[in-house]
Amino acid sequence: MFDLYALPSDFPGYDTAQKNQNPYERVKIIETAMTLDINDQRFISYIQLHEFEALILADPQKLTLEYMDHDAQINNLIAMVGEQNPESINDGPMTAPSKRILKEIPIYDKATGGIKVAERIGLTTLRAKCKHFDDWVTRLEQLGAPA
């Protein structure tokens, strides 16, 4: 899993993808280029739109389980996300999902709290709210399906 936000400019397919305004098309271009670059049938590329924290914004209420003294800030995140697709929350230097979370919860840490929160959100919600993530998990599930 790589985040689309702040992906290095020398990443396979990056230049071509930057010409496309649709973020779903951008990740598709990069994933295809990455797959061709790795050139191994066992590799299944995945670029997270726009970054891992989009998954957290699928249900920011779950942040309360890890950041208990931040109810007002978590409510701000809930209001900010509303009903929008968390994968479409943009990737600007001050508006990327992680930047929005850090603005409200400066002690947020992706490696510890973020992983725990994503686990508490659960695959069902993540898949329902994050289409690209769901598509990737579906591809993984199909690996074990009979031909």
Protein backbone atom coordinates (compact mmCIF):
# COMPACT_ATOMS: atom_id res chain seq x y z
CA MET A 1 0.00 0.00 0.00
CA PHE A 2 1.35 3.36 -1.05
CA ASP A 3 -0.36 6.71 -0.43
CA LEU A 4 -1.14 8.81 -3.50
CA TYR A 5 -0.42 11.94 -1.47
CA ALA A 6 3.27 12.88 -1.59
CA LEU A 7 4.15 9.95 -3.86
CA PRO A 8 7.65 10.55 -5.26
CA SER A 9 7.68 12.07 -8.73
CA ASP A 10 9.93 9.26 -10.02
CA PHE A 11 7.31 6.62 -9.15
CA PRO A 12 6.20 4.52 -12.17
CA GLY A 13 3.40 6.26 -14.05
CA TYR A 14 3.52 9.39 -11.89
CA ASP A 15 4.01 11.92 -14.68
CA THR A 16 1.22 10.44 -16.80
CA ALA A 17 -1.13 10.22 -13.83
CA GLN A 18 -0.57 13.88 -12.89
CA LYS A 19 -2.19 14.90 -16.18
CA ASN A 20 -5.48 13.31 -15.10
CA GLN A 21 -7.80 15.22 -12.76
CA ASN A 22 -9.83 12.20 -11.70
CA PRO A 23 -8.11 10.68 -8.64
CA TYR A 24 -9.49 7.20 -9.37
CA GLU A 25 -8.00 7.36 -12.86
CA ARG A 26 -4.70 8.67 -11.45
CA VAL A 27 -4.32 5.71 -9.08
CA LYS A 28 -5.31 3.29 -11.85
CA ILE A 29 -2.57 4.70 -14.09
CA ILE A 30 0.03 4.45 -11.32
CA GLU A 31 -1.08 0.99 -10.22
CA THR A 32 -0.87 -0.27 -13.81
CA ALA A 33 2.59 1.24 -14.26
CA MET A 34 3.75 -0.19 -10.93
CA THR A 35 2.45 -3.64 -11.88
CA LEU A 36 4.32 -3.47 -15.20
CA ASP A 37 7.46 -2.26 -13.43
CA ILE A 38 7.43 -5.07 -10.84
CA ASN A 39 6.49 -7.60 -13.54
CA ASP A 40 5.50 -10.43 -11.21
CA GLN A 41 2.06 -12.05 -11.44
CA ARG A 42 1.98 -12.41 -7.64
CA PHE A 43 2.14 -8.64 -7.14
CA ILE A 44 -1.16 -6.79 -6.73
CA SER A 45 -0.59 -3.05 -6.73
CA TYR A 46 -2.55 -0.68 -4.53
CA ILE A 47 -2.35 3.08 -4.21
CA GLN A 48 -4.44 4.51 -1.36
CA LEU A 49 -6.56 7.51 -2.26
CA HIS A 50 -5.24 9.98 -1.09
CA GLU A 51 -3.55 8.48 1.92
CA PHE A 52 -4.09 5.95 4.71
CA GLU A 53 -6.01 8.50 6.79
CA ALA A 54 -8.84 8.47 4.24
CA LEU A 55 -9.63 5.08 5.78
CA ILE A 56 -9.79 6.69 9.24
CA LEU A 57 -12.19 9.31 7.90
CA ALA A 58 -14.55 6.49 6.87
CA ASP A 59 -15.68 6.60 10.53
CA PRO A 60 -13.87 9.31 12.50
CA GLN A 61 -16.08 8.57 15.50
CA LYS A 62 -13.84 5.55 16.14
CA LEU A 63 -11.00 7.96 16.97
CA THR A 64 -12.67 8.42 20.37
CA LEU A 65 -11.53 4.94 21.37
CA GLU A 66 -7.88 5.92 20.96
CA TYR A 67 -8.04 9.68 21.65
CA MET A 68 -10.51 9.85 24.53
CA ASP A 69 -9.98 13.47 25.53
CA HIS A 70 -10.65 14.86 22.04
CA ASP A 71 -14.43 14.68 21.72
CA ALA A 72 -14.85 18.23 20.36
CA GLN A 73 -12.05 17.77 17.84
CA ILE A 74 -13.41 14.41 16.72
CA ASN A 75 -16.85 15.98 16.32
CA ASN A 76 -15.19 18.60 14.08
CA LEU A 77 -13.79 15.79 11.91
CA ILE A 78 -17.17 14.05 11.79
CA ALA A 79 -18.82 17.30 10.66
CA MET A 80 -16.05 17.95 8.11
CA VAL A 81 -16.43 14.50 6.54
CA GLY A 82 -20.23 14.50 6.61
CA GLU A 83 -21.54 12.09 4.01
CA GLN A 84 -18.75 12.62 1.49
CA ASN A 85 -16.59 9.82 0.18
CA PRO A 86 -13.46 9.83 2.37
CA GLU A 87 -11.37 8.75 -0.63
CA SER A 88 -12.23 12.04 -2.32
CA ILE A 89 -10.91 14.26 0.47
CA ASN A 90 -8.17 16.06 -1.37
CA ASP A 91 -4.44 15.78 -1.09
CA GLY A 92 -3.26 19.36 -0.64
CA PRO A 93 -0.39 20.07 1.75
CA MET A 94 -2.81 21.45 4.36
CA THR A 95 -5.96 19.54 3.41
CA ALA A 96 -4.79 15.95 3.02
CA PRO A 97 -6.66 13.56 5.34
CA SER A 98 -3.70 13.26 7.74
CA LYS A 99 -3.30 17.04 7.91
CA ARG A 100 -6.99 17.40 8.78
CA ILE A 101 -6.70 14.81 11.54
CA LEU A 102 -3.48 16.32 12.89
CA LYS A 103 -5.03 19.78 12.93
CA GLU A 104 -7.69 18.47 15.30
CA ILE A 105 -5.63 15.85 17.15
CA PRO A 106 -1.95 16.88 17.11
CA ILE A 107 -0.96 13.70 18.98
CA TYR A 108 -2.46 11.45 16.25
CA ASP A 109 0.02 8.79 15.16
CA LYS A 110 -0.57 6.68 12.05
CA ALA A 111 1.66 3.81 13.09
CA THR A 112 -0.01 3.18 16.43
CA GLY A 113 -3.34 4.96 16.81
CA GLY A 114 -4.18 4.98 13.12
CA ILE A 115 -3.83 1.24 12.74
CA LYS A 116 -5.89 0.58 15.88
CA VAL A 117 -8.62 2.96 14.72
CA ALA A 118 -8.75 1.38 11.24
CA GLU A 119 -9.10 -2.02 12.88
CA ARG A 120 -11.98 -0.76 15.02
CA ILE A 121 -13.69 0.77 11.99
CA GLY A 122 -13.62 -2.67 10.42
CA LEU A 123 -13.57 -4.00 6.89
CA THR A 124 -17.34 -3.76 6.41
CA THR A 125 -17.39 0.02 6.92
CA LEU A 126 -14.09 0.60 5.13
CA ARG A 127 -15.31 -1.30 2.11
CA ALA A 128 -18.71 0.40 2.11
CA LYS A 129 -17.24 3.91 2.26
CA CYS A 130 -14.01 3.50 0.29
CA LYS A 131 -14.69 2.12 -3.20
CA HIS A 132 -11.09 1.85 -4.35
CA PHE A 133 -10.11 0.06 -1.13
CA ASP A 134 -13.08 -2.29 -1.60
CA ASP A 135 -12.03 -3.03 -5.19
CA TRP A 136 -8.54 -3.99 -3.96
CA VAL A 137 -9.83 -6.23 -1.16
CA THR A 138 -12.18 -7.88 -3.66
CA ARG A 139 -9.23 -8.62 -5.94
CA LEU A 140 -7.38 -10.18 -3.00
CA GLU A 141 -10.39 -12.29 -2.05
CA GLN A 142 -10.69 -13.56 -5.61
CA LEU A 143 -7.19 -15.01 -5.45
CA GLY A 144 -8.52 -17.97 -3.49
CA ALA A 145 -11.68 -18.42 -5.55
CA PRO A 146 -11.95 -21.56 -7.69
CA ALA A 147 -11.36 -20.91 -11.37
